[in-house]
Amino acid sequence: MTTITYPVKGMSCQHCVNAVTSQLTGLAAVSGVTIDLVPDGTSLVTITSDGPLAEDAVRAALEEAGGYQLTSD
């Protein structure tokens, strides 16, 4: 099992959390997603998966969910 936390900008409400969770759990090998929502700030998205995920796949899922972006904060 691999668990990694990503800082994500652009999330503001529970709808955002649901959209991101849905997109990320659709990725192969993902077994869980938890989100510490910071409205209009940098939220923390923790993904548990069977192995490492390609960052490009995470970025694409966030974009598809609603234009959310990984940040370096």
PDB file of N, CA and C in Angstrom:
ATOM      1  N   MET A   1       0.838  -1.186   0.000  1.00  0.00           N
ATOM      2  CA  MET A   1       0.000   0.000   0.000  1.00  0.00           C
ATOM      3  C   MET A   1       0.881   1.247   0.000  1.00  0.00           C
ATOM      4  N   THR A   2       0.446   2.232  -0.733  1.00  0.00           N
ATOM      5  CA  THR A   2       1.125   3.521  -0.802  1.00  0.00           C
ATOM      6  C   THR A   2       0.124   4.605  -0.434  1.00  0.00           C
ATOM      7  N   THR A   3       0.546   5.525   0.426  1.00  0.00           N
ATOM      8  CA  THR A   3      -0.292   6.666   0.780  1.00  0.00           C
ATOM      9  C   THR A   3       0.516   7.925   0.552  1.00  0.00           C
ATOM     10  N   ILE A   4      -0.072   8.862  -0.188  1.00  0.00           N
ATOM     11  CA  ILE A   4       0.602  10.134  -0.452  1.00  0.00           C
ATOM     12  C   ILE A   4      -0.421  11.257  -0.357  1.00  0.00           C
ATOM     13  N   THR A   5       0.032  12.392   0.163  1.00  0.00           N
ATOM     14  CA  THR A   5      -0.827  13.561   0.301  1.00  0.00           C
ATOM     15  C   THR A   5      -0.375  14.640  -0.668  1.00  0.00           C
ATOM     16  N   TYR A   6      -1.347  15.175  -1.395  1.00  0.00           N
ATOM     17  CA  TYR A   6      -1.087  16.214  -2.380  1.00  0.00           C
ATOM     18  C   TYR A   6      -1.748  17.516  -1.939  1.00  0.00           C
ATOM     19  N   PRO A   7      -1.058  18.657  -2.045  1.00  0.00           N
ATOM     20  CA  PRO A   7      -1.703  19.954  -1.828  1.00  0.00           C
ATOM     21  C   PRO A   7      -2.441  20.352  -3.101  1.00  0.00           C
ATOM     22  N   VAL A   8      -3.710  20.741  -2.950  1.00  0.00           N
ATOM     23  CA  VAL A   8      -4.554  21.039  -4.110  1.00  0.00           C
ATOM     24  C   VAL A   8      -5.245  22.386  -3.913  1.00  0.00           C
ATOM     25  N   LYS A   9      -5.184  23.214  -4.936  1.00  0.00           N
ATOM     26  CA  LYS A   9      -5.852  24.525  -4.916  1.00  0.00           C
ATOM     27  C   LYS A   9      -7.130  24.485  -5.736  1.00  0.00           C
ATOM     28  N   GLY A  10      -8.085  25.339  -5.330  1.00  0.00           N
ATOM     29  CA  GLY A  10      -9.299  25.538  -6.105  1.00  0.00           C
ATOM     30  C   GLY A  10     -10.549  24.918  -5.520  1.00  0.00           C
ATOM     31  N   MET A  11     -10.413  24.112  -4.485  1.00  0.00           N
ATOM     32  CA  MET A  11     -11.586  23.476  -3.891  1.00  0.00           C
ATOM     33  C   MET A  11     -12.214  24.421  -2.871  1.00  0.00           C
ATOM     34  N   SER A  12     -13.564  24.495  -2.883  1.00  0.00           N
ATOM     35  CA  SER A  12     -14.209  25.443  -1.978  1.00  0.00           C
ATOM     36  C   SER A  12     -15.391  24.872  -1.194  1.00  0.00           C
ATOM     37  N   CYS A  13     -15.869  23.680  -1.567  1.00  0.00           N
ATOM     38  CA  CYS A  13     -17.089  23.174  -0.918  1.00  0.00           C
ATOM     39  C   CYS A  13     -17.152  21.647  -0.993  1.00  0.00           C
ATOM     40  N   GLN A  14     -18.225  21.105  -0.419  1.00  0.00           N
ATOM     41  CA  GLN A  14     -18.401  19.653  -0.420  1.00  0.00           C
ATOM     42  C   GLN A  14     -18.596  19.104  -1.829  1.00  0.00           C
ATOM     43  N   HIS A  15     -19.193  19.879  -2.713  1.00  0.00           N
ATOM     44  CA  HIS A  15     -19.326  19.444  -4.106  1.00  0.00           C
ATOM     45  C   HIS A  15     -17.939  19.197  -4.718  1.00  0.00           C
ATOM     46  N   CYS A  16     -16.999  20.090  -4.427  1.00  0.00           N
ATOM     47  CA  CYS A  16     -15.618  19.927  -4.921  1.00  0.00           C
ATOM     48  C   CYS A  16     -15.016  18.636  -4.372  1.00  0.00           C
ATOM     49  N   VAL A  17     -15.204  18.407  -3.089  1.00  0.00           N
ATOM     50  CA  VAL A  17     -14.685  17.195  -2.442  1.00  0.00           C
ATOM     51  C   VAL A  17     -15.259  15.958  -3.133  1.00  0.00           C
ATOM     52  N   ASN A  18     -16.566  15.957  -3.374  1.00  0.00           N
ATOM     53  CA  ASN A  18     -17.211  14.806  -4.016  1.00  0.00           C
ATOM     54  C   ASN A  18     -16.695  14.580  -5.431  1.00  0.00           C
ATOM     55  N   ALA A  19     -16.518  15.662  -6.187  1.00  0.00           N
ATOM     56  CA  ALA A  19     -16.039  15.542  -7.567  1.00  0.00           C
ATOM     57  C   ALA A  19     -14.612  14.993  -7.610  1.00  0.00           C
ATOM     58  N   VAL A  20     -13.756  15.518  -6.748  1.00  0.00           N
ATOM     59  CA  VAL A  20     -12.362  15.060  -6.713  1.00  0.00           C
ATOM     60  C   VAL A  20     -12.292  13.610  -6.249  1.00  0.00           C
ATOM     61  N   THR A  21     -13.040  13.279  -5.215  1.00  0.00           N
ATOM     62  CA  THR A  21     -13.043  11.909  -4.710  1.00  0.00           C
ATOM     63  C   THR A  21     -13.496  10.937  -5.789  1.00  0.00           C
ATOM     64  N   SER A  22     -14.549  11.290  -6.510  1.00  0.00           N
ATOM     65  CA  SER A  22     -15.066  10.430  -7.568  1.00  0.00           C
ATOM     66  C   SER A  22     -14.032  10.206  -8.674  1.00  0.00           C
ATOM     67  N   GLN A  23     -13.379  11.267  -9.111  1.00  0.00           N
ATOM     68  CA  GLN A  23     -12.383  11.140 -10.185  1.00  0.00           C
ATOM     69  C   GLN A  23     -11.170  10.327  -9.731  1.00  0.00           C
ATOM     70  N   LEU A  24     -10.699  10.593  -8.527  1.00  0.00           N
ATOM     71  CA  LEU A  24      -9.492   9.900  -8.057  1.00  0.00           C
ATOM     72  C   LEU A  24      -9.751   8.430  -7.760  1.00  0.00           C
ATOM     73  N   THR A  25     -10.921   8.103  -7.211  1.00  0.00           N
ATOM     74  CA  THR A  25     -11.206   6.693  -6.942  1.00  0.00           C
ATOM     75  C   THR A  25     -11.412   5.916  -8.239  1.00  0.00           C
ATOM     76  N   GLY A  26     -11.608   6.624  -9.342  1.00  0.00           N
ATOM     77  CA  GLY A  26     -11.716   5.974 -10.640  1.00  0.00           C
ATOM     78  C   GLY A  26     -10.380   5.560 -11.225  1.00  0.00           C
ATOM     79  N   LEU A  27      -9.289   6.033 -10.642  1.00  0.00           N
ATOM     80  CA  LEU A  27      -7.966   5.640 -11.128  1.00  0.00           C
ATOM     81  C   LEU A  27      -7.658   4.206 -10.702  1.00  0.00           C
ATOM     82  N   ALA A  28      -7.004   3.477 -11.576  1.00  0.00           N
ATOM     83  CA  ALA A  28      -6.629   2.106 -11.263  1.00  0.00           C
ATOM     84  C   ALA A  28      -5.750   2.071 -10.023  1.00  0.00           C
ATOM     85  N   ALA A  29      -5.986   1.124  -9.170  1.00  0.00           N
ATOM     86  CA  ALA A  29      -5.194   0.855  -7.964  1.00  0.00           C
ATOM     87  C   ALA A  29      -5.537   1.738  -6.770  1.00  0.00           C
ATOM     88  N   VAL A  30      -6.384   2.763  -6.942  1.00  0.00           N
ATOM     89  CA  VAL A  30      -6.731   3.642  -5.815  1.00  0.00           C
ATOM     90  C   VAL A  30      -7.760   2.944  -4.942  1.00  0.00           C
ATOM     91  N   SER A  31      -7.450   2.851  -3.639  1.00  0.00           N
ATOM     92  CA  SER A  31      -8.368   2.187  -2.711  1.00  0.00           C
ATOM     93  C   SER A  31      -9.022   3.158  -1.741  1.00  0.00           C
ATOM     94  N   GLY A  32      -8.520   4.398  -1.675  1.00  0.00           N
ATOM     95  CA  GLY A  32      -9.132   5.362  -0.774  1.00  0.00           C
ATOM     96  C   GLY A  32      -8.663   6.772  -1.033  1.00  0.00           C
ATOM     97  N   VAL A  33      -9.562   7.724  -0.741  1.00  0.00           N
ATOM     98  CA  VAL A  33      -9.251   9.144  -0.886  1.00  0.00           C
ATOM     99  C   VAL A  33      -9.858   9.867   0.313  1.00  0.00           C
ATOM    100  N   THR A  34      -9.047  10.671   0.997  1.00  0.00           N
ATOM    101  CA  THR A  34      -9.568  11.538   2.047  1.00  0.00           C
ATOM    102  C   THR A  34      -9.111  12.956   1.741  1.00  0.00           C
ATOM    103  N   ILE A  35      -9.967  13.910   2.083  1.00  0.00           N
ATOM    104  CA  ILE A  35      -9.676  15.302   1.755  1.00  0.00           C
ATOM    105  C   ILE A  35      -9.892  16.175   2.974  1.00  0.00           C
ATOM    106  N   ASP A  36      -8.870  16.955   3.298  1.00  0.00           N
ATOM    107  CA  ASP A  36      -8.964  17.980   4.338  1.00  0.00           C
ATOM    108  C   ASP A  36      -9.221  19.288   3.605  1.00  0.00           C
ATOM    109  N   LEU A  37     -10.509  19.658   3.517  1.00  0.00           N
ATOM    110  CA  LEU A  37     -10.917  20.826   2.741  1.00  0.00           C
ATOM    111  C   LEU A  37     -10.555  22.125   3.441  1.00  0.00           C
ATOM    112  N   VAL A  38      -9.879  22.994   2.712  1.00  0.00           N
ATOM    113  CA  VAL A  38      -9.599  24.361   3.146  1.00  0.00           C
ATOM    114  C   VAL A  38     -10.219  25.256   2.072  1.00  0.00           C
ATOM    115  N   PRO A  39     -11.475  25.706   2.299  1.00  0.00           N
ATOM    116  CA  PRO A  39     -12.166  26.483   1.265  1.00  0.00           C
ATOM    117  C   PRO A  39     -11.329  27.661   0.764  1.00  0.00           C
ATOM    118  N   ASP A  40     -11.174  27.715  -0.547  1.00  0.00           N
ATOM    119  CA  ASP A  40     -10.435  28.783  -1.224  1.00  0.00           C
ATOM    120  C   ASP A  40      -8.978  28.892  -0.780  1.00  0.00           C
ATOM    121  N   GLY A  41      -8.455  27.822  -0.199  1.00  0.00           N
ATOM    122  CA  GLY A  41      -7.046  27.769   0.193  1.00  0.00           C
ATOM    123  C   GLY A  41      -6.427  26.517  -0.406  1.00  0.00           C
ATOM    124  N   THR A  42      -5.453  25.963   0.279  1.00  0.00           N
ATOM    125  CA  THR A  42      -4.811  24.739  -0.177  1.00  0.00           C
ATOM    126  C   THR A  42      -5.352  23.569   0.628  1.00  0.00           C
ATOM    127  N   SER A  43      -6.125  22.718  -0.025  1.00  0.00           N
ATOM    128  CA  SER A  43      -6.678  21.524   0.606  1.00  0.00           C
ATOM    129  C   SER A  43      -5.661  20.398   0.504  1.00  0.00           C
ATOM    130  N   LEU A  44      -5.757  19.444   1.421  1.00  0.00           N
ATOM    131  CA  LEU A  44      -4.871  18.295   1.394  1.00  0.00           C
ATOM    132  C   LEU A  44      -5.656  17.067   0.962  1.00  0.00           C
ATOM    133  N   VAL A  45      -5.207  16.459  -0.133  1.00  0.00           N
ATOM    134  CA  VAL A  45      -5.863  15.284  -0.695  1.00  0.00           C
ATOM    135  C   VAL A  45      -4.933  14.092  -0.483  1.00  0.00           C
ATOM    136  N   THR A  46      -5.402  13.135   0.308  1.00  0.00           N
ATOM    137  CA  THR A  46      -4.594  11.950   0.605  1.00  0.00           C
ATOM    138  C   THR A  46      -5.166  10.764  -0.164  1.00  0.00           C
ATOM    139  N   ILE A  47      -4.284  10.124  -0.930  1.00  0.00           N
ATOM    140  CA  ILE A  47      -4.682   8.992  -1.769  1.00  0.00           C
ATOM    141  C   ILE A  47      -3.956   7.746  -1.287  1.00  0.00           C
ATOM    142  N   THR A  48      -4.725   6.681  -1.082  1.00  0.00           N
ATOM    143  CA  THR A  48      -4.158   5.376  -0.758  1.00  0.00           C
ATOM    144  C   THR A  48      -4.348   4.486  -1.980  1.00  0.00           C
ATOM    145  N   SER A  49      -3.267   3.833  -2.384  1.00  0.00           N
ATOM    146  CA  SER A  49      -3.329   2.999  -3.583  1.00  0.00           C
ATOM    147  C   SER A  49      -2.452   1.769  -3.395  1.00  0.00           C
ATOM    148  N   ASP A  50      -2.631   0.819  -4.308  1.00  0.00           N
ATOM    149  CA  ASP A  50      -1.859  -0.420  -4.251  1.00  0.00           C
ATOM    150  C   ASP A  50      -0.386  -0.195  -4.552  1.00  0.00           C
ATOM    151  N   GLY A  51      -0.062   0.893  -5.210  1.00  0.00           N
ATOM    152  CA  GLY A  51       1.312   1.223  -5.561  1.00  0.00           C
ATOM    153  C   GLY A  51       1.393   2.686  -5.922  1.00  0.00           C
ATOM    154  N   PRO A  52       2.568   3.172  -6.269  1.00  0.00           N
ATOM    155  CA  PRO A  52       2.722   4.579  -6.631  1.00  0.00           C
ATOM    156  C   PRO A  52       1.865   4.944  -7.851  1.00  0.00           C
ATOM    157  N   LEU A  53       1.326   6.162  -7.825  1.00  0.00           N
ATOM    158  CA  LEU A  53       0.555   6.676  -8.947  1.00  0.00           C
ATOM    159  C   LEU A  53       1.403   7.663  -9.747  1.00  0.00           C
ATOM    160  N   ALA A  54       1.182   7.709 -11.028  1.00  0.00           N
ATOM    161  CA  ALA A  54       1.845   8.714 -11.856  1.00  0.00           C
ATOM    162  C   ALA A  54       1.231  10.075 -11.530  1.00  0.00           C
ATOM    163  N   GLU A  55       2.079  11.057 -11.254  1.00  0.00           N
ATOM    164  CA  GLU A  55       1.572  12.391 -10.926  1.00  0.00           C
ATOM    165  C   GLU A  55       0.735  12.961 -12.061  1.00  0.00           C
ATOM    166  N   ASP A  56       1.076  12.640 -13.294  1.00  0.00           N
ATOM    167  CA  ASP A  56       0.287  13.110 -14.443  1.00  0.00           C
ATOM    168  C   ASP A  56      -1.149  12.591 -14.375  1.00  0.00           C
ATOM    169  N   ALA A  57      -1.335  11.364 -13.909  1.00  0.00           N
ATOM    170  CA  ALA A  57      -2.678  10.789 -13.787  1.00  0.00           C
ATOM    171  C   ALA A  57      -3.474  11.518 -12.711  1.00  0.00           C
ATOM    172  N   VAL A  58      -2.806  11.876 -11.608  1.00  0.00           N
ATOM    173  CA  VAL A  58      -3.466  12.624 -10.541  1.00  0.00           C
ATOM    174  C   VAL A  58      -3.844  14.011 -11.051  1.00  0.00           C
ATOM    175  N   ARG A  59      -2.916  14.675 -11.724  1.00  0.00           N
ATOM    176  CA  ARG A  59      -3.202  16.001 -12.291  1.00  0.00           C
ATOM    177  C   ARG A  59      -4.386  15.950 -13.254  1.00  0.00           C
ATOM    178  N   ALA A  60      -4.422  14.958 -14.112  1.00  0.00           N
ATOM    179  CA  ALA A  60      -5.502  14.828 -15.098  1.00  0.00           C
ATOM    180  C   ALA A  60      -6.842  14.595 -14.401  1.00  0.00           C
ATOM    181  N   ALA A  61      -6.860  13.775 -13.364  1.00  0.00           N
ATOM    182  CA  ALA A  61      -8.102  13.515 -12.626  1.00  0.00           C
ATOM    183  C   ALA A  61      -8.597  14.780 -11.939  1.00  0.00           C
ATOM    184  N   LEU A  62      -7.685  15.560 -11.371  1.00  0.00           N
ATOM    185  CA  LEU A  62      -8.076  16.814 -10.726  1.00  0.00           C
ATOM    186  C   LEU A  62      -8.620  17.807 -11.739  1.00  0.00           C
ATOM    187  N   GLU A  63      -8.010  17.881 -12.900  1.00  0.00           N
ATOM    188  CA  GLU A  63      -8.476  18.769 -13.962  1.00  0.00           C
ATOM    189  C   GLU A  63      -9.872  18.351 -14.427  1.00  0.00           C
ATOM    190  N   GLU A  64     -10.060  17.067 -14.596  1.00  0.00           N
ATOM    191  CA  GLU A  64     -11.354  16.539 -15.043  1.00  0.00           C
ATOM    192  C   GLU A  64     -12.441  16.785 -13.997  1.00  0.00           C
ATOM    193  N   ALA A  65     -12.081  16.749 -12.738  1.00  0.00           N
ATOM    194  CA  ALA A  65     -13.048  16.943 -11.657  1.00  0.00           C
ATOM    195  C   ALA A  65     -13.564  18.386 -11.593  1.00  0.00           C
ATOM    196  N   GLY A  66     -12.801  19.325 -12.125  1.00  0.00           N
ATOM    197  CA  GLY A  66     -13.277  20.708 -12.074  1.00  0.00           C
ATOM    198  C   GLY A  66     -12.191  21.749 -12.157  1.00  0.00           C
ATOM    199  N   GLY A  67     -11.081  21.387 -12.740  1.00  0.00           N
ATOM    200  CA  GLY A  67     -10.010  22.374 -12.919  1.00  0.00           C
ATOM    201  C   GLY A  67      -9.164  22.615 -11.677  1.00  0.00           C
ATOM    202  N   TYR A  68      -9.173  21.667 -10.753  1.00  0.00           N
ATOM    203  CA  TYR A  68      -8.359  21.801  -9.533  1.00  0.00           C
ATOM    204  C   TYR A  68      -6.910  21.510  -9.882  1.00  0.00           C
ATOM    205  N   GLN A  69      -5.994  22.102  -9.115  1.00  0.00           N
ATOM    206  CA  GLN A  69      -4.584  21.978  -9.476  1.00  0.00           C
ATOM    207  C   GLN A  69      -3.711  21.623  -8.285  1.00  0.00           C
ATOM    208  N   LEU A  70      -2.736  20.745  -8.575  1.00  0.00           N
ATOM    209  CA  LEU A  70      -1.695  20.473  -7.582  1.00  0.00           C
ATOM    210  C   LEU A  70      -0.880  21.737  -7.392  1.00  0.00           C
ATOM    211  N   THR A  71      -0.429  21.944  -6.183  1.00  0.00           N
ATOM    212  CA  THR A  71       0.395  23.114  -5.896  1.00  0.00           C
ATOM    213  C   THR A  71       1.584  22.667  -5.077  1.00  0.00           C
ATOM    214  N   SER A  72       2.549  23.523  -4.930  1.00  0.00           N
ATOM    215  CA  SER A  72       3.738  23.189  -4.137  1.00  0.00           C
ATOM    216  C   SER A  72       3.672  23.781  -2.745  1.00  0.00           C
ATOM    217  N   ASP A  73       2.511  24.358  -2.365  1.00  0.00           N
ATOM    218  CA  ASP A  73       2.359  24.947  -1.014  1.00  0.00           C
ATOM    219  C   ASP A  73       2.497  23.897   0.062  1.00  0.00           C
TER     220      ASP A  73
END
